[in-house]
Protein backbone atom coordinates (compact mmCIF):
# COMPACT_ATOMS: atom_id res chain seq x y z
CA MET A 1 -17.77 -19.38 -116.66
CA ASN A 2 -17.55 -17.14 -113.62
CA LYS A 3 -20.73 -15.78 -112.19
CA SER A 4 -20.80 -12.79 -109.95
CA ASN A 5 -23.70 -10.99 -108.34
CA HIS A 6 -23.98 -7.28 -108.61
CA ILE A 7 -26.41 -5.00 -106.86
CA ARG A 8 -27.39 -1.98 -108.91
CA THR A 9 -27.78 1.11 -106.84
CA ASP A 10 -29.25 4.47 -107.60
CA GLU A 11 -27.78 7.83 -106.66
CA GLU A 12 -29.72 8.01 -103.41
CA SER A 13 -28.36 4.61 -102.26
CA ARG A 14 -24.82 5.71 -103.08
CA ARG A 15 -25.24 8.95 -101.12
CA GLN A 16 -26.64 6.93 -98.23
CA SER A 17 -23.64 4.61 -98.26
CA GLU A 18 -21.26 7.58 -98.28
CA GLY A 19 -23.20 9.07 -95.34
CA TYR A 20 -22.94 5.84 -93.39
CA THR A 21 -19.22 5.60 -94.13
CA SER A 22 -18.48 9.12 -92.92
CA LEU A 23 -20.72 8.72 -89.83
CA LEU A 24 -19.04 5.44 -88.95
CA ALA A 25 -15.56 6.95 -89.40
CA PHE A 26 -16.55 9.89 -87.22
CA LYS A 27 -17.91 7.71 -84.42
CA LEU A 28 -14.91 5.37 -84.56
CA ALA A 29 -12.57 8.39 -84.20
CA GLN A 30 -14.35 9.43 -80.98
CA THR A 31 -12.89 7.94 -77.83
CA GLY A 32 -13.95 7.89 -74.23
CA ARG A 33 -17.65 8.17 -74.97
CA ARG A 34 -19.81 6.02 -72.69
CA TYR A 35 -22.18 4.60 -75.31
CA ASN A 36 -19.91 4.76 -78.37
CA ARG A 37 -19.75 0.96 -78.75
CA GLU A 38 -23.53 0.68 -78.82
CA VAL A 39 -23.79 3.57 -81.29
CA VAL A 40 -21.26 1.96 -83.61
CA ARG A 41 -23.11 -1.37 -83.40
CA SER A 42 -26.40 0.39 -84.19
CA ILE A 43 -24.84 2.09 -87.23
CA LEU A 44 -23.49 -1.27 -88.45
CA ARG A 45 -26.91 -2.90 -87.97
CA SER A 46 -28.52 -0.07 -89.94
CA ILE A 47 -26.01 -0.54 -92.77
CA LEU A 48 -26.75 -4.28 -92.88
CA PHE A 49 -30.49 -3.76 -92.94
CA ASP A 50 -30.20 -1.22 -95.75
CA TYR A 51 -28.01 -3.59 -97.76
CA LEU A 52 -30.53 -6.38 -97.13
CA GLU A 53 -33.20 -4.06 -98.54
CA LEU A 54 -31.11 -3.50 -101.66
CA MET A 55 -30.58 -7.26 -102.10
CA THR A 56 -34.26 -8.08 -101.78
CA VAL A 57 -35.19 -5.65 -104.57
CA VAL A 58 -33.13 -7.64 -107.04
CA VAL A 59 -35.32 -10.14 -108.91
CA PRO A 60 -33.50 -13.15 -110.38
CA THR A 61 -34.15 -13.75 -114.09
CA GLY A 62 -34.54 -16.98 -116.03
CA GLU A 63 -36.63 -18.81 -113.43
CA THR A 64 -39.96 -20.48 -113.68
CA SER A 65 -42.76 -18.72 -111.89
CA VAL A 66 -42.96 -21.55 -109.35
CA GLU A 67 -39.24 -21.17 -108.49
CA GLY A 68 -39.71 -17.43 -108.22
CA GLN A 69 -42.75 -17.81 -105.98
CA ARG A 70 -40.88 -20.20 -103.69
CA LYS A 71 -37.98 -17.71 -103.40
CA VAL A 72 -40.44 -14.89 -102.69
CA LEU A 73 -42.14 -17.01 -100.00
CA PHE A 74 -38.78 -17.82 -98.42
CA GLN A 75 -37.77 -14.14 -98.48
CA GLN A 76 -41.10 -13.13 -96.95
CA PHE A 77 -40.59 -15.71 -94.20
CA LEU A 78 -37.15 -14.32 -93.35
CA GLU A 79 -38.49 -10.78 -93.40
CA LEU A 80 -41.37 -11.81 -91.12
CA LEU A 81 -38.87 -13.35 -88.71
CA SER A 82 -36.58 -10.32 -88.71
CA MET A 83 -39.45 -7.83 -88.21
CA ARG A 84 -41.43 -9.77 -85.62
CA HIS A 85 -40.61 -8.93 -82.01
CA VAL A 86 -41.59 -12.34 -80.66
CA LYS A 87 -39.94 -14.88 -82.99
CA HIS A 88 -40.19 -17.95 -80.74
CA GLN A 89 -43.47 -19.28 -82.14
CA PRO A 90 -44.47 -22.50 -83.87
CA VAL A 91 -43.98 -22.89 -87.62
CA ASP A 92 -47.80 -23.03 -87.86
CA THR A 93 -48.07 -19.39 -86.73
CA HIS A 94 -45.65 -18.12 -89.37
CA ALA A 95 -47.11 -20.34 -92.09
CA GLN A 96 -50.65 -19.13 -91.32
CA GLU A 97 -49.53 -15.52 -91.64
CA LEU A 98 -47.95 -16.33 -95.02
CA CYS A 99 -51.09 -18.25 -96.10
CA VAL A 100 -49.32 -21.57 -96.69
CA SER A 101 -49.25 -24.87 -94.84
CA PRO A 102 -46.51 -25.48 -92.28
CA GLY A 103 -45.26 -28.48 -94.27
CA TYR A 104 -44.95 -26.44 -97.48
CA LEU A 105 -43.13 -23.63 -95.69
CA THR A 106 -40.69 -26.12 -94.15
CA LYS A 107 -40.13 -27.79 -97.54
CA VAL A 108 -39.44 -24.46 -99.25
CA CYS A 109 -37.00 -23.41 -96.52
CA LYS A 110 -35.23 -26.78 -96.64
CA ASP A 111 -35.03 -26.78 -100.47
CA LEU A 112 -33.72 -23.21 -100.73
CA SER A 113 -31.46 -22.97 -97.69
CA GLY A 114 -30.81 -26.45 -96.40
CA LYS A 115 -32.47 -25.52 -93.09
CA THR A 116 -35.99 -26.17 -91.92
CA ALA A 117 -38.34 -23.36 -90.97
CA MET A 118 -38.00 -24.41 -87.31
CA LYS A 119 -34.22 -24.16 -87.56
CA TRP A 120 -34.58 -20.60 -88.95
CA ILE A 121 -36.94 -19.69 -86.11
CA ARG A 122 -34.49 -21.08 -83.54
CA GLU A 123 -31.55 -19.20 -85.05
CA TYR A 124 -33.41 -15.88 -85.11
CA THR A 125 -34.61 -16.47 -81.55
CA GLU A 126 -31.08 -17.34 -80.41
CA GLN A 127 -29.82 -14.13 -81.98
CA ASP A 128 -32.43 -12.09 -80.09
CA VAL A 129 -31.66 -13.88 -76.83
CA ARG A 130 -27.92 -13.26 -77.25
CA TYR A 131 -28.53 -9.62 -78.09
CA CYS A 132 -30.87 -9.01 -75.15
CA LEU A 133 -28.68 -10.77 -72.62
CA THR A 134 -25.60 -8.92 -73.83
CA ASN A 135 -26.99 -5.44 -74.48
CA SER A 136 -29.79 -5.01 -71.95
CA ASP A 137 -29.87 -4.26 -68.25
CA ARG A 138 -33.32 -5.82 -67.92
CA SER A 139 -33.69 -8.87 -65.69
CA VAL A 140 -33.63 -12.35 -67.19
CA LYS A 141 -37.29 -12.69 -66.22
CA GLU A 142 -38.17 -9.48 -68.12
CA ILE A 143 -36.23 -10.62 -71.21
CA CYS A 144 -37.97 -14.01 -71.02
CA LYS A 145 -41.37 -12.34 -70.98
CA ASP A 146 -40.43 -9.79 -73.65
CA LEU A 147 -39.27 -12.50 -76.07
CA GLY A 148 -42.51 -14.47 -75.64
CA PHE A 149 -41.30 -17.52 -73.73
CA PRO A 150 -44.02 -19.13 -71.60
CA ASP A 151 -41.99 -19.21 -68.39
CA LEU A 152 -38.50 -18.76 -66.98
CA SER A 153 -37.88 -22.52 -66.81
CA PHE A 154 -38.50 -22.96 -70.53
CA PHE A 155 -36.37 -19.91 -71.30
CA SER A 156 -33.51 -21.30 -69.24
CA LYS A 157 -33.72 -24.67 -70.98
CA PHE A 158 -33.71 -22.91 -74.35
CA CYS A 159 -30.62 -20.90 -73.34
CA ARG A 160 -28.77 -23.98 -72.04
CA ARG A 161 -29.37 -25.78 -75.34
CA ALA A 162 -28.61 -22.76 -77.54
CA LEU A 163 -25.88 -20.99 -75.58
CA GLY A 164 -24.42 -23.85 -73.58
CA CYS A 165 -25.19 -22.25 -70.22
CA SER A 166 -27.90 -20.52 -68.20
CA PRO A 167 -28.98 -17.01 -69.20
CA THR A 168 -27.31 -15.55 -66.09
CA ALA A 169 -24.05 -17.40 -66.74
CA TYR A 170 -24.08 -16.26 -70.40
CA ARG A 171 -24.66 -12.66 -69.34
CA LYS A 172 -21.73 -12.84 -66.86
CA LYS A 173 -19.47 -14.49 -69.43
CA THR A 174 -20.19 -11.87 -72.13
CA LYS A 175 -19.82 -9.03 -69.63
CA ALA A 176 -16.41 -10.35 -68.57
CA SER A 177 -15.25 -10.66 -72.20
CA ARG A 178 -16.60 -7.17 -73.01
CA ASP A 179 -14.78 -5.65 -70.06
CA GLN A 180 -11.50 -6.97 -71.45
CA ILE A 181 -11.98 -5.16 -74.80
CA PRO A 182 -10.86 -1.49 -74.77
CA ASN A 183 -13.50 1.11 -75.59
CA VAL A 184 -13.76 2.17 -79.21
């Protein structure tokens, strides 16, 4: 028996998708614009967030209430991570905000995704670090402070472990690879 997931959309969601599609096609057709790449990336991020919103509205059927509650908790945790500006915080902080124990949050994450809560926090933090180092002209020290790291030394150690090099080296490497790609 094949199972497939479908997301039901209303007329407004369909119109929104059509609007995104035409806007994206319009921006991709433009050439020689200084910030076009960033605009296209922002449009794509907006599309992904809107699709995420559509997927979170869908409520699975045929589950026990405990299973459903665990899935809701996990989804709330991921939403909390995605919405929070400073993600690099202990599991305790996130668990407290969700009104559960850190151990329970970690168990739910591990059971539903195969990753611990700490692993999710690290991945979201790494994503923010990559984005800021790649798309910001702010200094490494400013990014460190903005992302909630206690000091530059700790931030550099985090980057070396996560990115395989120092923040400055990562920034140079991504800038060099970006310069080789022709403008959209």
